[in-house]
Amino acid sequence: TNDTKAELANLNYWAHWVGELDGTRTDDSFMLAQDRRAWTGVRLLSHLTGRLDPNSPHLPLNLHTLQVLVASRPALLKSGPQVQEKLARALDRLASSGTLTRLGSSHVDMLNYALRISNH
């Protein structure tokens, strides 16, 4: 679907932006690449988790992108207890902030669920 293509392009762009993709890109065609082995997502997960600030104007984008990343690469949550703890703390801070929209709350719920099932 178009949503899936847009989400893939968004993830690939973020992976490029945080330095997960090797080499220089001279055009945007890399954003449509479906090779999931081109980048791991570890750096992107850390980057986005660190930007879950309830007062940030970019919170909706960061939260949505993080939710899509975890949904597409659930094994990322098994990359270490520090990863899980950092994300859990950030999600708790968001949930108690009182600033989330209904969609934001839904993303937080989905991410908390992903954390719970990653421990089994």
Foldseek 3Di string as FASTA:
>chain_A
DVVVQVLQLVLQVLCVVQPQADDDDPDSPSSRDPPPVRGDCLSVLVVLLVVCDLPDPCNVVSLVNNLSSCVVPVCSLVPDPVSLVSNVVSLVCNVPVPRDDPVSVVSSVSVVVSSVVNVD
